[in-house]
PDB file of N, CA and C in Angstrom:
ATOM      1  N   MET A   1      59.074  62.581 -53.991  1.00  0.00           N
ATOM      2  CA  MET A   1      57.990  62.420 -53.059  1.00  0.00           C
ATOM      3  C   MET A   1      57.759  63.761 -52.388  1.00  0.00           C
ATOM      4  N   ALA A   2      56.735  64.468 -52.747  1.00  0.00           N
ATOM      5  CA  ALA A   2      56.466  65.788 -52.215  1.00  0.00           C
ATOM      6  C   ALA A   2      55.557  65.690 -50.995  1.00  0.00           C
ATOM      7  N   ALA A   3      55.905  66.452 -49.984  1.00  0.00           N
ATOM      8  CA  ALA A   3      55.075  66.477 -48.774  1.00  0.00           C
ATOM      9  C   ALA A   3      53.859  67.348 -49.027  1.00  0.00           C
ATOM     10  N   ALA A   4      52.765  67.000 -48.388  1.00  0.00           N
ATOM     11  CA  ALA A   4      51.541  67.790 -48.529  1.00  0.00           C
ATOM     12  C   ALA A   4      51.744  69.148 -47.876  1.00  0.00           C
ATOM     13  N   LYS A   5      51.244  70.168 -48.494  1.00  0.00           N
ATOM     14  CA  LYS A   5      51.343  71.511 -47.932  1.00  0.00           C
ATOM     15  C   LYS A   5      50.362  71.633 -46.779  1.00  0.00           C
ATOM     16  N   THR A   6      50.791  72.285 -45.726  1.00  0.00           N
ATOM     17  CA  THR A   6      49.921  72.443 -44.572  1.00  0.00           C
ATOM     18  C   THR A   6      49.134  73.742 -44.690  1.00  0.00           C
ATOM     19  N   ILE A   7      47.999  73.752 -44.055  1.00  0.00           N
ATOM     20  CA  ILE A   7      47.147  74.932 -44.044  1.00  0.00           C
ATOM     21  C   ILE A   7      47.276  75.563 -42.673  1.00  0.00           C
ATOM     22  N   ALA A   8      47.600  76.834 -42.647  1.00  0.00           N
ATOM     23  CA  ALA A   8      47.774  77.520 -41.375  1.00  0.00           C
ATOM     24  C   ALA A   8      46.437  77.617 -40.649  1.00  0.00           C
ATOM     25  N   ALA A   9      46.492  77.414 -39.349  1.00  0.00           N
ATOM     26  CA  ALA A   9      45.284  77.544 -38.534  1.00  0.00           C
ATOM     27  C   ALA A   9      44.898  79.018 -38.460  1.00  0.00           C
ATOM     28  N   PRO A  10      43.610  79.292 -38.420  1.00  0.00           N
ATOM     29  CA  PRO A  10      43.202  80.696 -38.329  1.00  0.00           C
ATOM     30  C   PRO A  10      43.616  81.271 -36.976  1.00  0.00           C
ATOM     31  N   SER A  11      43.940  82.525 -36.979  1.00  0.00           N
ATOM     32  CA  SER A  11      44.292  83.204 -35.737  1.00  0.00           C
ATOM     33  C   SER A  11      43.053  83.298 -34.857  1.00  0.00           C
ATOM     34  N   PRO A  12      43.206  83.111 -33.552  1.00  0.00           N
ATOM     35  CA  PRO A  12      42.051  83.252 -32.670  1.00  0.00           C
ATOM     36  C   PRO A  12      41.433  84.644 -32.763  1.00  0.00           C
ATOM     37  N   LEU A  13      42.231  85.618 -33.165  1.00  0.00           N
ATOM     38  CA  LEU A  13      41.723  86.978 -33.274  1.00  0.00           C
ATOM     39  C   LEU A  13      40.771  87.143 -34.453  1.00  0.00           C
ATOM     40  N   THR A  14      40.899  86.271 -35.457  1.00  0.00           N
ATOM     41  CA  THR A  14      40.035  86.401 -36.630  1.00  0.00           C
ATOM     42  C   THR A  14      38.795  85.515 -36.534  1.00  0.00           C
ATOM     43  N   LEU A  15      38.747  84.643 -35.538  1.00  0.00           N
ATOM     44  CA  LEU A  15      37.572  83.799 -35.389  1.00  0.00           C
ATOM     45  C   LEU A  15      36.379  84.637 -34.929  1.00  0.00           C
ATOM     46  N   SER A  16      35.245  84.243 -35.382  1.00  0.00           N
ATOM     47  CA  SER A  16      34.023  84.917 -34.987  1.00  0.00           C
ATOM     48  C   SER A  16      33.759  84.674 -33.507  1.00  0.00           C
ATOM     49  N   ARG A  17      33.043  85.556 -32.923  1.00  0.00           N
ATOM     50  CA  ARG A  17      32.661  85.360 -31.520  1.00  0.00           C
ATOM     51  C   ARG A  17      31.351  84.565 -31.439  1.00  0.00           C
ATOM     52  N   ASN A  18      30.877  84.134 -32.578  1.00  0.00           N
ATOM     53  CA  ASN A  18      29.673  83.312 -32.637  1.00  0.00           C
ATOM     54  C   ASN A  18      29.991  81.943 -32.032  1.00  0.00           C
ATOM     55  N   PRO A  19      29.299  81.528 -30.969  1.00  0.00           N
ATOM     56  CA  PRO A  19      29.604  80.248 -30.313  1.00  0.00           C
ATOM     57  C   PRO A  19      29.503  79.039 -31.247  1.00  0.00           C
ATOM     58  N   ALA A  20      28.582  79.045 -32.167  1.00  0.00           N
ATOM     59  CA  ALA A  20      28.439  77.910 -33.085  1.00  0.00           C
ATOM     60  C   ALA A  20      29.670  77.798 -33.988  1.00  0.00           C
ATOM     61  N   GLU A  21      30.147  78.925 -34.478  1.00  0.00           N
ATOM     62  CA  GLU A  21      31.350  78.913 -35.317  1.00  0.00           C
ATOM     63  C   GLU A  21      32.570  78.489 -34.517  1.00  0.00           C
ATOM     64  N   LEU A  22      32.659  78.946 -33.288  1.00  0.00           N
ATOM     65  CA  LEU A  22      33.785  78.559 -32.437  1.00  0.00           C
ATOM     66  C   LEU A  22      33.761  77.059 -32.150  1.00  0.00           C
ATOM     67  N   ARG A  23      32.573  76.517 -31.871  1.00  0.00           N
ATOM     68  CA  ARG A  23      32.454  75.075 -31.630  1.00  0.00           C
ATOM     69  C   ARG A  23      32.867  74.286 -32.864  1.00  0.00           C
ATOM     70  N   ARG A  24      32.440  74.769 -34.030  1.00  0.00           N
ATOM     71  CA  ARG A  24      32.809  74.091 -35.279  1.00  0.00           C
ATOM     72  C   ARG A  24      34.321  74.149 -35.488  1.00  0.00           C
ATOM     73  N   ALA A  25      34.919  75.302 -35.229  1.00  0.00           N
ATOM     74  CA  ALA A  25      36.370  75.441 -35.399  1.00  0.00           C
ATOM     75  C   ALA A  25      37.117  74.506 -34.443  1.00  0.00           C
ATOM     76  N   VAL A  26      36.646  74.396 -33.213  1.00  0.00           N
ATOM     77  CA  VAL A  26      37.274  73.499 -32.241  1.00  0.00           C
ATOM     78  C   VAL A  26      37.099  72.047 -32.676  1.00  0.00           C
ATOM     79  N   ALA A  27      35.919  71.694 -33.172  1.00  0.00           N
ATOM     80  CA  ALA A  27      35.676  70.331 -33.631  1.00  0.00           C
ATOM     81  C   ALA A  27      36.598  69.977 -34.797  1.00  0.00           C
ATOM     82  N   VAL A  28      36.777  70.897 -35.720  1.00  0.00           N
ATOM     83  CA  VAL A  28      37.668  70.664 -36.862  1.00  0.00           C
ATOM     84  C   VAL A  28      39.106  70.506 -36.371  1.00  0.00           C
ATOM     85  N   ALA A  29      39.525  71.366 -35.462  1.00  0.00           N
ATOM     86  CA  ALA A  29      40.884  71.276 -34.923  1.00  0.00           C
ATOM     87  C   ALA A  29      41.099  69.951 -34.196  1.00  0.00           C
ATOM     88  N   ASN A  30      40.114  69.514 -33.434  1.00  0.00           N
ATOM     89  CA  ASN A  30      40.225  68.228 -32.738  1.00  0.00           C
ATOM     90  C   ASN A  30      40.303  67.071 -33.722  1.00  0.00           C
ATOM     91  N   ALA A  31      39.515  67.111 -34.777  1.00  0.00           N
ATOM     92  CA  ALA A  31      39.536  66.044 -35.786  1.00  0.00           C
ATOM     93  C   ALA A  31      40.899  65.984 -36.474  1.00  0.00           C
ATOM     94  N   ARG A  32      41.439  67.146 -36.799  1.00  0.00           N
ATOM     95  CA  ARG A  32      42.766  67.183 -37.441  1.00  0.00           C
ATOM     96  C   ARG A  32      43.838  66.672 -36.494  1.00  0.00           C
ATOM     97  N   ALA A  33      43.747  67.044 -35.225  1.00  0.00           N
ATOM     98  CA  ALA A  33      44.728  66.576 -34.244  1.00  0.00           C
ATOM     99  C   ALA A  33      44.655  65.057 -34.102  1.00  0.00           C
ATOM    100  N   GLN A  34      43.467  64.517 -34.076  1.00  0.00           N
ATOM    101  CA  GLN A  34      43.312  63.063 -33.973  1.00  0.00           C
ATOM    102  C   GLN A  34      43.891  62.373 -35.202  1.00  0.00           C
ATOM    103  N   GLU A  35      43.655  62.944 -36.379  1.00  0.00           N
ATOM    104  CA  GLU A  35      44.199  62.374 -37.607  1.00  0.00           C
ATOM    105  C   GLU A  35      45.727  62.348 -37.550  1.00  0.00           C
ATOM    106  N   TRP A  36      46.316  63.445 -37.091  1.00  0.00           N
ATOM    107  CA  TRP A  36      47.778  63.503 -36.994  1.00  0.00           C
ATOM    108  C   TRP A  36      48.308  62.552 -35.931  1.00  0.00           C
ATOM    109  N   ARG A  37      47.600  62.357 -34.826  1.00  0.00           N
ATOM    110  CA  ARG A  37      48.025  61.381 -33.813  1.00  0.00           C
ATOM    111  C   ARG A  37      48.042  59.974 -34.409  1.00  0.00           C
ATOM    112  N   LEU A  38      47.024  59.644 -35.196  1.00  0.00           N
ATOM    113  CA  LEU A  38      46.970  58.326 -35.829  1.00  0.00           C
ATOM    114  C   LEU A  38      48.083  58.150 -36.861  1.00  0.00           C
ATOM    115  N   ARG A  39      48.340  59.202 -37.634  1.00  0.00           N
ATOM    116  CA  ARG A  39      49.423  59.138 -38.623  1.00  0.00           C
ATOM    117  C   ARG A  39      50.772  58.944 -37.928  1.00  0.00           C
ATOM    118  N   TYR A  40      50.981  59.678 -36.840  1.00  0.00           N
ATOM    119  CA  TYR A  40      52.234  59.556 -36.103  1.00  0.00           C
ATOM    120  C   TYR A  40      52.375  58.139 -35.547  1.00  0.00           C
ATOM    121  N   ALA A  41      51.317  57.594 -34.964  1.00  0.00           N
ATOM    122  CA  ALA A  41      51.373  56.251 -34.390  1.00  0.00           C
ATOM    123  C   ALA A  41      51.714  55.221 -35.464  1.00  0.00           C
ATOM    124  N   GLU A  42      51.119  55.357 -36.640  1.00  0.00           N
ATOM    125  CA  GLU A  42      51.395  54.429 -37.742  1.00  0.00           C
ATOM    126  C   GLU A  42      52.848  54.540 -38.197  1.00  0.00           C
ATOM    127  N   LEU A  43      53.343  55.761 -38.341  1.00  0.00           N
ATOM    128  CA  LEU A  43      54.725  55.974 -38.756  1.00  0.00           C
ATOM    129  C   LEU A  43      55.693  55.448 -37.700  1.00  0.00           C
ATOM    130  N   HIS A  44      55.389  55.705 -36.437  1.00  0.00           N
ATOM    131  CA  HIS A  44      56.252  55.240 -35.352  1.00  0.00           C
ATOM    132  C   HIS A  44      56.300  53.711 -35.326  1.00  0.00           C
ATOM    133  N   MET A  45      55.171  53.076 -35.531  1.00  0.00           N
ATOM    134  CA  MET A  45      55.120  51.614 -35.554  1.00  0.00           C
ATOM    135  C   MET A  45      55.982  51.064 -36.696  1.00  0.00           C
ATOM    136  N   ALA A  46      55.898  51.670 -37.866  1.00  0.00           N
ATOM    137  CA  ALA A  46      56.696  51.228 -39.009  1.00  0.00           C
ATOM    138  C   ALA A  46      58.188  51.408 -38.721  1.00  0.00           C
ATOM    139  N   TYR A  47      58.539  52.522 -38.083  1.00  0.00           N
ATOM    140  CA  TYR A  47      59.935  52.787 -37.730  1.00  0.00           C
ATOM    141  C   TYR A  47      60.446  51.744 -36.742  1.00  0.00           C
ATOM    142  N   VAL A  48      59.651  51.443 -35.717  1.00  0.00           N
ATOM    143  CA  VAL A  48      60.050  50.456 -34.713  1.00  0.00           C
ATOM    144  C   VAL A  48      60.242  49.086 -35.365  1.00  0.00           C
ATOM    145  N   GLN A  49      59.348  48.720 -36.264  1.00  0.00           N
ATOM    146  CA  GLN A  49      59.484  47.420 -36.937  1.00  0.00           C
ATOM    147  C   GLN A  49      60.765  47.362 -37.765  1.00  0.00           C
ATOM    148  N   LEU A  50      61.039  48.423 -38.531  1.00  0.00           N
ATOM    149  CA  LEU A  50      62.249  48.446 -39.350  1.00  0.00           C
ATOM    150  C   LEU A  50      63.496  48.426 -38.474  1.00  0.00           C
ATOM    151  N   LEU A  51      63.498  49.213 -37.416  1.00  0.00           N
ATOM    152  CA  LEU A  51      64.638  49.246 -36.509  1.00  0.00           C
ATOM    153  C   LEU A  51      64.851  47.882 -35.849  1.00  0.00           C
ATOM    154  N   THR A  52      63.782  47.213 -35.486  1.00  0.00           N
ATOM    155  CA  THR A  52      63.877  45.882 -34.877  1.00  0.00           C
ATOM    156  C   THR A  52      64.530  44.894 -35.836  1.00  0.00           C
ATOM    157  N   HIS A  53      64.126  44.927 -37.095  1.00  0.00           N
ATOM    158  CA  HIS A  53      64.719  44.019 -38.083  1.00  0.00           C
ATOM    159  C   HIS A  53      66.183  44.382 -38.351  1.00  0.00           C
ATOM    160  N   ALA A  54      66.506  45.657 -38.359  1.00  0.00           N
ATOM    161  CA  ALA A  54      67.904  46.081 -38.560  1.00  0.00           C
ATOM    162  C   ALA A  54      68.770  45.613 -37.392  1.00  0.00           C
ATOM    163  N   ARG A  55      68.273  45.763 -36.182  1.00  0.00           N
ATOM    164  CA  ARG A  55      69.020  45.316 -35.009  1.00  0.00           C
ATOM    165  C   ARG A  55      69.219  43.807 -35.041  1.00  0.00           C
ATOM    166  N   ALA A  56      68.187  43.073 -35.470  1.00  0.00           N
ATOM    167  CA  ALA A  56      68.317  41.618 -35.579  1.00  0.00           C
ATOM    168  C   ALA A  56      69.391  41.255 -36.601  1.00  0.00           C
ATOM    169  N   ALA A  57      69.465  41.989 -37.692  1.00  0.00           N
ATOM    170  CA  ALA A  57      70.476  41.719 -38.715  1.00  0.00           C
ATOM    171  C   ALA A  57      71.879  41.968 -38.164  1.00  0.00           C
ATOM    172  N   VAL A  58      72.060  43.036 -37.397  1.00  0.00           N
ATOM    173  CA  VAL A  58      73.370  43.333 -36.808  1.00  0.00           C
ATOM    174  C   VAL A  58      73.746  42.231 -35.809  1.00  0.00           C
ATOM    175  N   ALA A  59      72.787  41.816 -34.978  1.00  0.00           N
ATOM    176  CA  ALA A  59      73.054  40.740 -34.013  1.00  0.00           C
ATOM    177  C   ALA A  59      73.382  39.432 -34.730  1.00  0.00           C
ATOM    178  N   ALA A  60      72.679  39.146 -35.821  1.00  0.00           N
ATOM    179  CA  ALA A  60      72.933  37.922 -36.582  1.00  0.00           C
ATOM    180  C   ALA A  60      74.328  37.959 -37.199  1.00  0.00           C
ATOM    181  N   ALA A  61      74.735  39.109 -37.697  1.00  0.00           N
ATOM    182  CA  ALA A  61      76.076  39.235 -38.273  1.00  0.00           C
ATOM    183  C   ALA A  61      77.135  39.032 -37.187  1.00  0.00           C
ATOM    184  N   ALA A  62      76.903  39.611 -36.011  1.00  0.00           N
ATOM    185  CA  ALA A  62      77.856  39.456 -34.906  1.00  0.00           C
ATOM    186  C   ALA A  62      77.932  38.004 -34.443  1.00  0.00           C
ATOM    187  N   ALA A  63      76.820  37.270 -34.564  1.00  0.00           N
ATOM    188  CA  ALA A  63      76.785  35.871 -34.151  1.00  0.00           C
ATOM    189  C   ALA A  63      77.321  34.941 -35.241  1.00  0.00           C
ATOM    190  N   GLY A  64      77.665  35.505 -36.400  1.00  0.00           N
ATOM    191  CA  GLY A  64      78.229  34.721 -37.483  1.00  0.00           C
ATOM    192  C   GLY A  64      77.215  33.968 -38.322  1.00  0.00           C
ATOM    193  N   GLU A  65      75.945  34.397 -38.287  1.00  0.00           N
ATOM    194  CA  GLU A  65      74.948  33.743 -39.136  1.00  0.00           C
ATOM    195  C   GLU A  65      75.322  33.932 -40.599  1.00  0.00           C
ATOM    196  N   LEU A  66      74.913  32.965 -41.423  1.00  0.00           N
ATOM    197  CA  LEU A  66      75.295  32.993 -42.836  1.00  0.00           C
ATOM    198  C   LEU A  66      74.594  34.084 -43.636  1.00  0.00           C
ATOM    199  N   ALA A  67      73.350  34.417 -43.281  1.00  0.00           N
ATOM    200  CA  ALA A  67      72.590  35.401 -44.068  1.00  0.00           C
ATOM    201  C   ALA A  67      71.920  36.413 -43.129  1.00  0.00           C
ATOM    202  N   PRO A  68      72.708  37.257 -42.481  1.00  0.00           N
ATOM    203  CA  PRO A  68      72.114  38.187 -41.511  1.00  0.00           C
ATOM    204  C   PRO A  68      71.162  39.204 -42.134  1.00  0.00           C
ATOM    205  N   THR A  69      71.363  39.527 -43.400  1.00  0.00           N
ATOM    206  CA  THR A  69      70.475  40.509 -44.024  1.00  0.00           C
ATOM    207  C   THR A  69      69.099  39.939 -44.328  1.00  0.00           C
ATOM    208  N   ALA A  70      68.917  38.652 -44.110  1.00  0.00           N
ATOM    209  CA  ALA A  70      67.601  38.034 -44.345  1.00  0.00           C
ATOM    210  C   ALA A  70      66.536  38.680 -43.462  1.00  0.00           C
ATOM    211  N   TYR A  71      66.929  39.151 -42.280  1.00  0.00           N
ATOM    212  CA  TYR A  71      65.963  39.802 -41.393  1.00  0.00           C
ATOM    213  C   TYR A  71      65.392  41.066 -42.043  1.00  0.00           C
ATOM    214  N   ILE A  72      66.268  41.864 -42.605  1.00  0.00           N
ATOM    215  CA  ILE A  72      65.819  43.106 -43.250  1.00  0.00           C
ATOM    216  C   ILE A  72      65.155  42.795 -44.594  1.00  0.00           C
ATOM    217  N   ALA A  73      65.753  41.903 -45.359  1.00  0.00           N
ATOM    218  CA  ALA A  73      65.197  41.564 -46.675  1.00  0.00           C
ATOM    219  C   ALA A  73      63.777  41.035 -46.540  1.00  0.00           C
ATOM    220  N   GLY A  74      63.564  40.175 -45.563  1.00  0.00           N
ATOM    221  CA  GLY A  74      62.224  39.631 -45.355  1.00  0.00           C
ATOM    222  C   GLY A  74      61.218  40.704 -44.999  1.00  0.00           C
ATOM    223  N   HIS A  75      61.632  41.634 -44.143  1.00  0.00           N
ATOM    224  CA  HIS A  75      60.727  42.721 -43.753  1.00  0.00           C
ATOM    225  C   HIS A  75      60.417  43.623 -44.949  1.00  0.00           C
ATOM    226  N   LEU A  76      61.451  43.983 -45.704  1.00  0.00           N
ATOM    227  CA  LEU A  76      61.225  44.833 -46.882  1.00  0.00           C
ATOM    228  C   LEU A  76      60.294  44.156 -47.886  1.00  0.00           C
ATOM    229  N   GLU A  77      60.444  42.857 -48.025  1.00  0.00           N
ATOM    230  CA  GLU A  77      59.558  42.113 -48.931  1.00  0.00           C
ATOM    231  C   GLU A  77      58.118  42.151 -48.410  1.00  0.00           C
ATOM    232  N   GLU A  78      57.954  41.978 -47.096  1.00  0.00           N
ATOM    233  CA  GLU A  78      56.618  42.019 -46.485  1.00  0.00           C
ATOM    234  C   GLU A  78      55.892  43.331 -46.754  1.00  0.00           C
ATOM    235  N   ILE A  79      56.633  44.422 -46.684  1.00  0.00           N
ATOM    236  CA  ILE A  79      56.001  45.742 -46.828  1.00  0.00           C
ATOM    237  C   ILE A  79      56.084  46.273 -48.254  1.00  0.00           C
ATOM    238  N   GLY A  80      56.582  45.458 -49.174  1.00  0.00           N
ATOM    239  CA  GLY A  80      56.601  45.843 -50.581  1.00  0.00           C
ATOM    240  C   GLY A  80      57.667  46.864 -50.947  1.00  0.00           C
ATOM    241  N   LEU A  81      58.774  46.886 -50.207  1.00  0.00           N
ATOM    242  CA  LEU A  81      59.823  47.865 -50.490  1.00  0.00           C
ATOM    243  C   LEU A  81      61.167  47.229 -50.821  1.00  0.00           C
ATOM    244  N   SER A  82      61.143  45.981 -51.285  1.00  0.00           N
ATOM    245  CA  SER A  82      62.400  45.350 -51.693  1.00  0.00           C
ATOM    246  C   SER A  82      62.974  46.103 -52.882  1.00  0.00           C
ATOM    247  N   PRO A  83      64.295  46.241 -52.932  1.00  0.00           N
ATOM    248  CA  PRO A  83      64.885  46.903 -54.099  1.00  0.00           C
ATOM    249  C   PRO A  83      64.670  46.072 -55.359  1.00  0.00           C
ATOM    250  N   ALA A  84      64.612  46.748 -56.467  1.00  0.00           N
ATOM    251  CA  ALA A  84      64.444  46.061 -57.753  1.00  0.00           C
ATOM    252  C   ALA A  84      65.666  45.191 -58.028  1.00  0.00           C
ATOM    253  N   PRO A  85      65.463  44.094 -58.745  1.00  0.00           N
ATOM    254  CA  PRO A  85      66.625  43.263 -59.104  1.00  0.00           C
ATOM    255  C   PRO A  85      67.661  44.109 -59.846  1.00  0.00           C
ATOM    256  N   GLY A  86      68.907  43.947 -59.448  1.00  0.00           N
ATOM    257  CA  GLY A  86      69.990  44.694 -60.091  1.00  0.00           C
ATOM    258  C   GLY A  86      70.175  46.100 -59.564  1.00  0.00           C
ATOM    259  N   ALA A  87      69.437  46.484 -58.527  1.00  0.00           N
ATOM    260  CA  ALA A  87      69.578  47.834 -57.969  1.00  0.00           C
ATOM    261  C   ALA A  87      70.993  48.018 -57.428  1.00  0.00           C
ATOM    262  N   VAL A  88      71.523  49.204 -57.623  1.00  0.00           N
ATOM    263  CA  VAL A  88      72.874  49.532 -57.161  1.00  0.00           C
ATOM    264  C   VAL A  88      72.777  50.102 -55.749  1.00  0.00           C
ATOM    265  N   PRO A  89      73.442  49.476 -54.771  1.00  0.00           N
ATOM    266  CA  PRO A  89      73.330  49.931 -53.388  1.00  0.00           C
ATOM    267  C   PRO A  89      73.619  51.423 -53.195  1.00  0.00           C
ATOM    268  N   ASP A  90      74.686  51.918 -53.807  1.00  0.00           N
ATOM    269  CA  ASP A  90      75.022  53.340 -53.655  1.00  0.00           C
ATOM    270  C   ASP A  90      73.926  54.240 -54.217  1.00  0.00           C
ATOM    271  N   ALA A  91      73.288  53.797 -55.290  1.00  0.00           N
ATOM    272  CA  ALA A  91      72.196  54.580 -55.883  1.00  0.00           C
ATOM    273  C   ALA A  91      70.995  54.615 -54.944  1.00  0.00           C
ATOM    274  N   LEU A  92      70.723  53.490 -54.264  1.00  0.00           N
ATOM    275  CA  LEU A  92      69.616  53.458 -53.302  1.00  0.00           C
ATOM    276  C   LEU A  92      69.883  54.416 -52.139  1.00  0.00           C
ATOM    277  N   VAL A  93      71.117  54.423 -51.651  1.00  0.00           N
ATOM    278  CA  VAL A  93      71.477  55.334 -50.558  1.00  0.00           C
ATOM    279  C   VAL A  93      71.360  56.781 -51.026  1.00  0.00           C
ATOM    280  N   ALA A  94      71.863  57.072 -52.205  1.00  0.00           N
ATOM    281  CA  ALA A  94      71.802  58.428 -52.734  1.00  0.00           C
ATOM    282  C   ALA A  94      70.351  58.893 -52.899  1.00  0.00           C
ATOM    283  N   GLU A  95      69.503  57.997 -53.376  1.00  0.00           N
ATOM    284  CA  GLU A  95      68.090  58.339 -53.546  1.00  0.00           C
ATOM    285  C   GLU A  95      67.449  58.670 -52.193  1.00  0.00           C
ATOM    286  N   GLY A  96      67.712  57.849 -51.194  1.00  0.00           N
ATOM    287  CA  GLY A  96      67.162  58.093 -49.861  1.00  0.00           C
ATOM    288  C   GLY A  96      67.662  59.390 -49.260  1.00  0.00           C
ATOM    289  N   LEU A  97      68.945  59.667 -49.411  1.00  0.00           N
ATOM    290  CA  LEU A  97      69.506  60.915 -48.881  1.00  0.00           C
ATOM    291  C   LEU A  97      68.949  62.135 -49.611  1.00  0.00           C
ATOM    292  N   ALA A  98      68.690  61.995 -50.908  1.00  0.00           N
ATOM    293  CA  ALA A  98      68.103  63.106 -51.667  1.00  0.00           C
ATOM    294  C   ALA A  98      66.693  63.404 -51.174  1.00  0.00           C
ATOM    295  N   VAL A  99      65.915  62.374 -50.896  1.00  0.00           N
ATOM    296  CA  VAL A  99      64.563  62.564 -50.370  1.00  0.00           C
ATOM    297  C   VAL A  99      64.633  63.232 -49.003  1.00  0.00           C
ATOM    298  N   ALA A 100      65.552  62.767 -48.145  1.00  0.00           N
ATOM    299  CA  ALA A 100      65.701  63.354 -46.817  1.00  0.00           C
ATOM    300  C   ALA A 100      66.102  64.828 -46.909  1.00  0.00           C
ATOM    301  N   ALA A 101      66.996  65.153 -47.821  1.00  0.00           N
ATOM    302  CA  ALA A 101      67.420  66.539 -47.989  1.00  0.00           C
ATOM    303  C   ALA A 101      66.267  67.412 -48.467  1.00  0.00           C
ATOM    304  N   GLU A 102      65.463  66.896 -49.377  1.00  0.00           N
ATOM    305  CA  GLU A 102      64.301  67.644 -49.874  1.00  0.00           C
ATOM    306  C   GLU A 102      63.301  67.892 -48.746  1.00  0.00           C
ATOM    307  N   LEU A 103      63.051  66.874 -47.937  1.00  0.00           N
ATOM    308  CA  LEU A 103      62.126  67.041 -46.812  1.00  0.00           C
ATOM    309  C   LEU A 103      62.668  68.058 -45.817  1.00  0.00           C
ATOM    310  N   ALA A 104      63.962  68.038 -45.571  1.00  0.00           N
ATOM    311  CA  ALA A 104      64.578  69.005 -44.657  1.00  0.00           C
ATOM    312  C   ALA A 104      64.444  70.420 -45.208  1.00  0.00           C
ATOM    313  N   ARG A 105      64.614  70.582 -46.519  1.00  0.00           N
ATOM    314  CA  ARG A 105      64.469  71.909 -47.148  1.00  0.00           C
ATOM    315  C   ARG A 105      63.041  72.418 -47.006  1.00  0.00           C
ATOM    316  N   GLU A 106      62.068  71.520 -47.174  1.00  0.00           N
ATOM    317  CA  GLU A 106      60.674  71.916 -47.083  1.00  0.00           C
ATOM    318  C   GLU A 106      60.299  72.327 -45.657  1.00  0.00           C
ATOM    319  N   ARG A 107      60.974  71.750 -44.685  1.00  0.00           N
ATOM    320  CA  ARG A 107      60.666  72.073 -43.270  1.00  0.00           C
ATOM    321  C   ARG A 107      61.241  73.425 -42.865  1.00  0.00           C
ATOM    322  N   SER A 108      62.258  73.885 -43.572  1.00  0.00           N
ATOM    323  CA  SER A 108      62.889  75.160 -43.165  1.00  0.00           C
ATOM    324  C   SER A 108      62.377  76.333 -43.952  1.00  0.00           C
TER     325      SER A 108
END
């Protein structure tokens, strides 16, 4: 899963002093900022939902429920991310850690 490459913002020193061009540049920057705010809100919401289901599973296990992972399994099924039948748990963890490591490398 490759992250999209970002485009560097133009330096204020290279922007034209033409007011129309400056207004357009500000409008584009505002539109991009709004897009990123919406993306962040969506990602944060997904994280909160997953964390909520994980916490419910831990509480269910502590309470001695018979199937505490049903909270997470149900959520993963809802969002279309259930593991394939026969998936190896260690392989799933390794895959996730590899993606995280790749994203960390791209950020540095």
